PDB file of N, CA and C in Angstrom:
ATOM      1  N   MET A   1       0.355  36.109  55.981  1.00  0.00           N
ATOM      2  CA  MET A   1      -0.144  37.271  55.225  1.00  0.00           C
ATOM      3  C   MET A   1       0.959  37.673  54.177  1.00  0.00           C
ATOM      4  N   SER A   2       0.542  37.720  52.917  1.00  0.00           N
ATOM      5  CA  SER A   2       1.536  38.127  51.908  1.00  0.00           C
ATOM      6  C   SER A   2       1.422  39.585  51.712  1.00  0.00           C
ATOM      7  N   VAL A   3       2.561  40.170  51.217  1.00  0.00           N
ATOM      8  CA  VAL A   3       2.597  41.554  51.057  1.00  0.00           C
ATOM      9  C   VAL A   3       2.453  41.915  49.525  1.00  0.00           C
ATOM     10  N   ASN A   4       1.574  42.800  49.147  1.00  0.00           N
ATOM     11  CA  ASN A   4       1.423  43.223  47.781  1.00  0.00           C
ATOM     12  C   ASN A   4       2.419  44.329  47.549  1.00  0.00           C
ATOM     13  N   VAL A   5       3.628  43.975  47.006  1.00  0.00           N
ATOM     14  CA  VAL A   5       4.746  44.868  46.860  1.00  0.00           C
ATOM     15  C   VAL A   5       4.380  46.108  45.890  1.00  0.00           C
ATOM     16  N   SER A   6       3.558  45.781  44.846  1.00  0.00           N
ATOM     17  CA  SER A   6       3.306  46.887  43.893  1.00  0.00           C
ATOM     18  C   SER A   6       2.402  47.960  44.571  1.00  0.00           C
ATOM     19  N   GLU A   7       1.579  47.657  45.509  1.00  0.00           N
ATOM     20  CA  GLU A   7       0.859  48.743  46.343  1.00  0.00           C
ATOM     21  C   GLU A   7       1.749  49.494  47.178  1.00  0.00           C
ATOM     22  N   ILE A   8       2.804  48.899  47.732  1.00  0.00           N
ATOM     23  CA  ILE A   8       3.754  49.636  48.577  1.00  0.00           C
ATOM     24  C   ILE A   8       4.628  50.480  47.836  1.00  0.00           C
ATOM     25  N   LEU A   9       5.042  50.002  46.666  1.00  0.00           N
ATOM     26  CA  LEU A   9       6.131  50.778  45.800  1.00  0.00           C
ATOM     27  C   LEU A   9       5.573  51.933  45.116  1.00  0.00           C
ATOM     28  N   GLY A  10       4.362  51.856  44.596  1.00  0.00           N
ATOM     29  CA  GLY A  10       3.870  53.008  43.809  1.00  0.00           C
ATOM     30  C   GLY A  10       4.487  53.054  42.459  1.00  0.00           C
ATOM     31  N   ALA A  11       4.465  54.238  41.845  1.00  0.00           N
ATOM     32  CA  ALA A  11       4.995  54.414  40.446  1.00  0.00           C
ATOM     33  C   ALA A  11       6.466  54.216  40.400  1.00  0.00           C
ATOM     34  N   PRO A  12       6.917  53.485  39.363  1.00  0.00           N
ATOM     35  CA  PRO A  12       8.457  53.318  39.128  1.00  0.00           C
ATOM     36  C   PRO A  12       9.061  54.395  38.494  1.00  0.00           C
ATOM     37  N   TYR A  13      10.313  54.635  38.727  1.00  0.00           N
ATOM     38  CA  TYR A  13      11.118  55.565  37.941  1.00  0.00           C
ATOM     39  C   TYR A  13      12.269  54.828  37.241  1.00  0.00           C
ATOM     40  N   GLU A  14      12.550  55.207  36.034  1.00  0.00           N
ATOM     41  CA  GLU A  14      13.635  54.548  35.252  1.00  0.00           C
ATOM     42  C   GLU A  14      14.940  55.229  35.653  1.00  0.00           C
ATOM     43  N   SER A  15      14.897  56.384  36.247  1.00  0.00           N
ATOM     44  CA  SER A  15      16.190  57.051  36.601  1.00  0.00           C
ATOM     45  C   SER A  15      16.228  57.297  38.015  1.00  0.00           C
ATOM     46  N   LYS A  16      17.348  56.988  38.631  1.00  0.00           N
ATOM     47  CA  LYS A  16      17.531  57.226  40.143  1.00  0.00           C
ATOM     48  C   LYS A  16      17.506  58.705  40.328  1.00  0.00           C
ATOM     49  N   ILE A  17      18.165  59.467  39.473  1.00  0.00           N
ATOM     50  CA  ILE A  17      18.104  60.956  39.633  1.00  0.00           C
ATOM     51  C   ILE A  17      16.705  61.568  39.633  1.00  0.00           C
ATOM     52  N   ASP A  18      15.853  61.079  38.721  1.00  0.00           N
ATOM     53  CA  ASP A  18      14.474  61.593  38.684  1.00  0.00           C
ATOM     54  C   ASP A  18      13.703  61.246  40.016  1.00  0.00           C
ATOM     55  N   ALA A  19      13.937  60.047  40.502  1.00  0.00           N
ATOM     56  CA  ALA A  19      13.367  59.680  41.808  1.00  0.00           C
ATOM     57  C   ALA A  19      13.921  60.579  42.911  1.00  0.00           C
ATOM     58  N   GLN A  20      15.172  60.834  42.888  1.00  0.00           N
ATOM     59  CA  GLN A  20      15.818  61.642  43.972  1.00  0.00           C
ATOM     60  C   GLN A  20      15.266  62.990  43.884  1.00  0.00           C
ATOM     61  N   VAL A  21      15.009  63.552  42.842  1.00  0.00           N
ATOM     62  CA  VAL A  21      14.472  64.900  42.642  1.00  0.00           C
ATOM     63  C   VAL A  21      13.018  65.045  43.242  1.00  0.00           C
ATOM     64  N   ASP A  22      12.210  64.016  42.933  1.00  0.00           N
ATOM     65  CA  ASP A  22      10.817  63.991  43.295  1.00  0.00           C
ATOM     66  C   ASP A  22      10.576  63.590  44.831  1.00  0.00           C
ATOM     67  N   LYS A  23      11.592  62.959  45.425  1.00  0.00           N
ATOM     68  CA  LYS A  23      11.282  62.375  46.802  1.00  0.00           C
ATOM     69  C   LYS A  23      11.347  63.625  47.858  1.00  0.00           C
ATOM     70  N   SER A  24      10.676  63.454  48.934  1.00  0.00           N
ATOM     71  CA  SER A  24      10.728  64.492  50.029  1.00  0.00           C
ATOM     72  C   SER A  24      11.947  64.122  50.898  1.00  0.00           C
ATOM     73  N   PRO A  25      12.399  65.038  51.680  1.00  0.00           N
ATOM     74  CA  PRO A  25      13.580  64.753  52.590  1.00  0.00           C
ATOM     75  C   PRO A  25      13.457  63.544  53.513  1.00  0.00           C
ATOM     76  N   SER A  26      12.262  63.255  53.913  1.00  0.00           N
ATOM     77  CA  SER A  26      11.978  62.102  54.822  1.00  0.00           C
ATOM     78  C   SER A  26      11.916  60.715  54.120  1.00  0.00           C
ATOM     79  N   GLU A  27      11.867  60.731  52.758  1.00  0.00           N
ATOM     80  CA  GLU A  27      11.740  59.478  51.953  1.00  0.00           C
ATOM     81  C   GLU A  27      13.032  59.033  51.531  1.00  0.00           C
ATOM     82  N   VAL A  28      13.115  57.715  51.059  1.00  0.00           N
ATOM     83  CA  VAL A  28      14.316  57.091  50.514  1.00  0.00           C
ATOM     84  C   VAL A  28      13.921  56.545  49.129  1.00  0.00           C
ATOM     85  N   VAL A  29      14.884  56.380  48.191  1.00  0.00           N
ATOM     86  CA  VAL A  29      14.776  55.775  46.982  1.00  0.00           C
ATOM     87  C   VAL A  29      15.308  54.271  47.121  1.00  0.00           C
ATOM     88  N   VAL A  30      14.556  53.341  46.676  1.00  0.00           N
ATOM     89  CA  VAL A  30      14.911  51.862  46.718  1.00  0.00           C
ATOM     90  C   VAL A  30      14.895  51.254  45.430  1.00  0.00           C
ATOM     91  N   THR A  31      15.619  50.125  45.277  1.00  0.00           N
ATOM     92  CA  THR A  31      15.641  49.387  44.086  1.00  0.00           C
ATOM     93  C   THR A  31      15.939  47.926  44.446  1.00  0.00           C
ATOM     94  N   ASN A  32      15.472  46.994  43.686  1.00  0.00           N
ATOM     95  CA  ASN A  32      15.872  45.565  43.839  1.00  0.00           C
ATOM     96  C   ASN A  32      16.582  45.074  42.565  1.00  0.00           C
ATOM     97  N   THR A  33      16.608  45.793  41.470  1.00  0.00           N
ATOM     98  CA  THR A  33      17.189  45.432  40.208  1.00  0.00           C
ATOM     99  C   THR A  33      18.233  46.298  39.739  1.00  0.00           C
ATOM    100  N   GLY A  34      18.322  47.596  40.291  1.00  0.00           N
ATOM    101  CA  GLY A  34      19.160  48.569  39.712  1.00  0.00           C
ATOM    102  C   GLY A  34      18.716  49.237  38.410  1.00  0.00           C
ATOM    103  N   GLU A  35      17.520  48.736  37.986  1.00  0.00           N
ATOM    104  CA  GLU A  35      16.885  49.319  36.781  1.00  0.00           C
ATOM    105  C   GLU A  35      15.666  50.119  37.018  1.00  0.00           C
ATOM    106  N   MET A  36      14.892  49.883  38.017  1.00  0.00           N
ATOM    107  CA  MET A  36      13.755  50.678  38.362  1.00  0.00           C
ATOM    108  C   MET A  36      13.812  51.104  39.787  1.00  0.00           C
ATOM    109  N   PHE A  37      13.413  52.303  40.123  1.00  0.00           N
ATOM    110  CA  PHE A  37      13.638  52.928  41.373  1.00  0.00           C
ATOM    111  C   PHE A  37      12.265  53.409  41.867  1.00  0.00           C
ATOM    112  N   TYR A  38      12.147  53.338  43.220  1.00  0.00           N
ATOM    113  CA  TYR A  38      10.842  53.619  43.881  1.00  0.00           C
ATOM    114  C   TYR A  38      11.053  54.559  45.104  1.00  0.00           C
ATOM    115  N   ILE A  39      10.091  55.479  45.338  1.00  0.00           N
ATOM    116  CA  ILE A  39      10.218  56.401  46.503  1.00  0.00           C
ATOM    117  C   ILE A  39       9.256  55.746  47.526  1.00  0.00           C
ATOM    118  N   VAL A  40       9.816  55.604  48.779  1.00  0.00           N
ATOM    119  CA  VAL A  40       9.070  55.068  49.934  1.00  0.00           C
ATOM    120  C   VAL A  40       9.537  55.792  51.180  1.00  0.00           C
ATOM    121  N   GLU A  41       8.662  55.637  52.210  1.00  0.00           N
ATOM    122  CA  GLU A  41       8.929  56.200  53.546  1.00  0.00           C
ATOM    123  C   GLU A  41      10.028  55.152  54.194  1.00  0.00           C
ATOM    124  N   ARG A  42      10.881  55.750  54.985  1.00  0.00           N
ATOM    125  CA  ARG A  42      11.995  54.891  55.552  1.00  0.00           C
ATOM    126  C   ARG A  42      11.413  53.710  56.390  1.00  0.00           C
ATOM    127  N   GLU A  43      10.337  53.906  57.044  1.00  0.00           N
ATOM    128  CA  GLU A  43       9.754  52.829  57.869  1.00  0.00           C
ATOM    129  C   GLU A  43       9.186  51.698  57.017  1.00  0.00           C
ATOM    130  N   VAL A  44       8.611  52.079  55.849  1.00  0.00           N
ATOM    131  CA  VAL A  44       8.156  51.054  54.953  1.00  0.00           C
ATOM    132  C   VAL A  44       9.332  50.141  54.458  1.00  0.00           C
ATOM    133  N   TYR A  45      10.429  50.828  54.104  1.00  0.00           N
ATOM    134  CA  TYR A  45      11.593  50.036  53.692  1.00  0.00           C
ATOM    135  C   TYR A  45      11.992  49.151  54.908  1.00  0.00           C
ATOM    136  N   ASP A  46      12.192  49.730  56.051  1.00  0.00           N
ATOM    137  CA  ASP A  46      12.626  48.935  57.250  1.00  0.00           C
ATOM    138  C   ASP A  46      11.811  47.776  57.503  1.00  0.00           C
ATOM    139  N   ASN A  47      10.421  48.020  57.524  1.00  0.00           N
ATOM    140  CA  ASN A  47       9.398  47.024  57.950  1.00  0.00           C
ATOM    141  C   ASN A  47       9.034  46.032  56.906  1.00  0.00           C
ATOM    142  N   GLN A  48       9.108  46.392  55.655  1.00  0.00           N
ATOM    143  CA  GLN A  48       8.612  45.465  54.582  1.00  0.00           C
ATOM    144  C   GLN A  48       9.618  45.169  53.471  1.00  0.00           C
ATOM    145  N   LEU A  49      10.299  46.204  53.015  1.00  0.00           N
ATOM    146  CA  LEU A  49      11.088  45.973  51.784  1.00  0.00           C
ATOM    147  C   LEU A  49      12.481  45.422  51.922  1.00  0.00           C
ATOM    148  N   ALA A  50      13.051  45.727  53.074  1.00  0.00           N
ATOM    149  CA  ALA A  50      14.528  45.173  53.283  1.00  0.00           C
ATOM    150  C   ALA A  50      14.552  43.694  53.314  1.00  0.00           C
ATOM    151  N   VAL A  51      13.535  43.082  53.879  1.00  0.00           N
ATOM    152  CA  VAL A  51      13.513  41.611  53.803  1.00  0.00           C
ATOM    153  C   VAL A  51      13.299  40.973  52.466  1.00  0.00           C
ATOM    154  N   LEU A  52      12.778  41.839  51.482  1.00  0.00           N
ATOM    155  CA  LEU A  52      12.529  41.335  50.252  1.00  0.00           C
ATOM    156  C   LEU A  52      13.629  41.583  49.215  1.00  0.00           C
ATOM    157  N   GLY A  53      14.730  42.103  49.779  1.00  0.00           N
ATOM    158  CA  GLY A  53      15.948  42.233  48.890  1.00  0.00           C
ATOM    159  C   GLY A  53      16.068  43.694  48.297  1.00  0.00           C
ATOM    160  N   TYR A  54      15.310  44.555  48.702  1.00  0.00           N
ATOM    161  CA  TYR A  54      15.329  45.924  48.186  1.00  0.00           C
ATOM    162  C   TYR A  54      16.513  46.658  48.897  1.00  0.00           C
ATOM    163  N   GLU A  55      17.209  47.600  48.231  1.00  0.00           N
ATOM    164  CA  GLU A  55      18.254  48.287  48.887  1.00  0.00           C
ATOM    165  C   GLU A  55      18.072  49.806  48.758  1.00  0.00           C
ATOM    166  N   ILE A  56      18.470  50.567  49.629  1.00  0.00           N
ATOM    167  CA  ILE A  56      18.346  52.043  49.564  1.00  0.00           C
ATOM    168  C   ILE A  56      19.464  52.575  48.684  1.00  0.00           C
ATOM    169  N   VAL A  57      19.104  53.310  47.685  1.00  0.00           N
ATOM    170  CA  VAL A  57      20.182  53.923  46.794  1.00  0.00           C
ATOM    171  C   VAL A  57      20.217  55.412  47.000  1.00  0.00           C
ATOM    172  N   VAL A  58      19.203  56.065  47.611  1.00  0.00           N
ATOM    173  CA  VAL A  58      19.271  57.467  47.984  1.00  0.00           C
ATOM    174  C   VAL A  58      18.590  57.538  49.316  1.00  0.00           C
ATOM    175  N   ALA A  59      19.388  58.038  50.319  1.00  0.00           N
ATOM    176  CA  ALA A  59      18.909  58.084  51.680  1.00  0.00           C
ATOM    177  C   ALA A  59      18.124  59.336  51.990  1.00  0.00           C
ATOM    178  N   GLU A  60      17.600  59.423  53.207  1.00  0.00           N
ATOM    179  CA  GLU A  60      16.828  60.614  53.574  1.00  0.00           C
ATOM    180  C   GLU A  60      17.772  61.812  53.556  1.00  0.00           C
ATOM    181  N   GLY A  61      17.185  62.906  53.118  1.00  0.00           N
ATOM    182  CA  GLY A  61      17.982  64.170  53.091  1.00  0.00           C
ATOM    183  C   GLY A  61      18.918  64.241  51.916  1.00  0.00           C
ATOM    184  N   GLU A  62      19.117  63.313  51.129  1.00  0.00           N
ATOM    185  CA  GLU A  62      19.889  63.454  49.835  1.00  0.00           C
ATOM    186  C   GLU A  62      19.157  63.949  48.737  1.00  0.00           C
TER     187      GLU A  62
END
């Protein structure tokens, strides 16, 4: 079963700061390129995005 990453990620942000401002305290901001940033739930990152090379750049509560 393949994962449709674009459905998981939602709207991209060009600025990490903008994504950080928009996220809720329970969400994280991730990127795989350092150029586009996405807000996701931590469990989505842990279960689907970590293995695809995404990294957390803003953790929960930040």
